[in-house]
Structures are given as C-alpha cells and as structure tokens.
Protein backbone atom coordinates (compact mmCIF):
# COMPACT_ATOMS: atom_id res chain seq x y z
CA UNK A 1 51.24 -3.43 140.18
CA UNK A 2 51.25 -0.77 137.55
CA UNK A 3 54.36 0.93 136.44
CA UNK A 4 55.09 4.58 137.62
CA UNK A 5 55.46 7.21 135.10
CA UNK A 6 58.53 9.39 135.70
CA UNK A 7 57.82 11.83 138.54
CA UNK A 8 54.84 10.06 139.76
CA UNK A 9 54.66 9.38 143.43
CA UNK A 10 58.15 10.43 144.01
CA UNK A 11 59.20 13.46 146.11
CA UNK A 12 61.64 16.03 144.77
CA UNK A 13 63.42 15.95 148.07
CA UNK A 14 67.08 17.39 147.59
CA UNK A 15 68.25 17.88 150.94
CA UNK A 16 71.59 16.83 152.78
CA UNK A 17 73.62 17.74 155.67
CA UNK A 18 74.66 21.02 153.83
CA UNK A 19 71.07 22.10 153.45
CA UNK A 20 70.12 24.97 155.51
CA UNK A 21 66.86 24.91 157.57
CA UNK A 22 65.33 27.68 155.40
CA UNK A 23 66.14 25.79 152.17
CA UNK A 24 64.62 22.60 153.63
CA UNK A 25 61.52 24.48 154.73
CA UNK A 26 61.20 26.03 151.26
CA UNK A 27 61.39 22.50 149.38
CA UNK A 28 58.80 21.38 152.11
CA UNK A 29 56.55 24.45 151.14
CA UNK A 30 56.89 23.62 147.49
CA UNK A 31 56.07 19.80 147.98
CA UNK A 32 52.93 20.86 149.94
CA UNK A 33 51.80 23.35 147.22
CA UNK A 34 52.20 20.54 144.70
CA UNK A 35 50.27 18.11 146.76
CA UNK A 36 47.22 20.77 147.36
CA UNK A 37 47.16 21.42 143.65
CA UNK A 38 46.92 17.72 142.88
CA UNK A 39 44.24 17.40 145.36
CA UNK A 40 42.26 20.36 143.99
CA UNK A 41 42.59 19.15 140.61
CA UNK A 42 41.36 15.58 141.67
CA UNK A 43 38.25 17.37 143.57
CA UNK A 44 37.54 19.40 140.41
CA UNK A 45 37.24 16.25 138.11
CA UNK A 46 35.57 13.76 140.57
CA UNK A 47 31.99 13.01 139.84
CA UNK A 48 31.39 10.85 142.89
CA UNK A 49 30.31 13.41 145.75
CA UNK A 50 32.21 11.51 148.56
CA UNK A 51 35.57 11.40 146.36
CA UNK A 52 35.25 15.02 145.67
CA UNK A 53 34.55 15.88 149.46
CA UNK A 54 37.61 13.65 150.26
CA UNK A 55 39.93 15.63 147.80
CA UNK A 56 38.58 18.79 149.01
CA UNK A 57 39.54 18.03 152.57
CA UNK A 58 43.01 16.71 151.68
CA UNK A 59 43.53 19.93 149.76
CA UNK A 60 42.40 22.11 152.72
CA UNK A 61 44.85 19.95 154.98
CA UNK A 62 47.80 20.77 152.62
CA UNK A 63 46.95 24.48 152.63
CA UNK A 64 47.14 24.42 156.44
CA UNK A 65 50.55 22.82 155.98
CA UNK A 66 51.49 25.44 153.44
CA UNK A 67 50.64 28.25 155.99
CA UNK A 68 52.56 26.60 159.02
CA UNK A 69 55.68 26.30 156.76
CA UNK A 70 55.16 29.79 155.39
CA UNK A 71 54.94 31.09 159.01
CA UNK A 72 58.12 29.43 160.06
CA UNK A 73 59.83 30.91 157.06
CA UNK A 74 58.66 34.33 157.98
CA UNK A 75 59.48 34.16 161.58
CA UNK A 76 62.20 31.67 162.12
CA UNK A 77 64.36 31.55 159.36
CA UNK A 78 64.25 35.12 158.11
CA UNK A 79 67.79 35.77 159.54
CA UNK A 80 69.17 33.20 157.32
CA UNK A 81 68.03 34.89 154.22
C-alpha cells in the first residue's frame, strides 16, 4: 500500500454539534467542487477513451451534487445567513 501525501484522500470536514446546517452545506458544496475539479482534471489528462469518459461522467455527477446543495442553500438556509 502506498503512502498518502498530505491532503490526499482526506476530506476537510470540520463540522461538529455547533456547526449550523448552512455552514455544513457550504462545507459540503466546497467538497463537491473539489471533487468535480479533480475529475475534470483526470478527464483532461486521460489518454484512454474509457477512462476519460468515466471521469467526465463523475465530474457531471459532482456538478449535479453542487447544484442540489446550492439550491438548498438558496432556499432552505437563506434565513440563517
């Protein structure tokens, strides 16, 4: 098993009982954005067509997650901001 570099494979989740729902959603949105960008970069550099297609698919899924979280922030949690 290879050693992980600092920050690799780790989520930067800093939520606890005092974290508001809006704050938690913003953290989740940030994680989805990072994942999408990672998949987009993988798709950009992949030579193998099937690998490129898989990463493009994963990036699109992350974009859907971003949109869902943003919708929740815009509608459900506006009163907290």
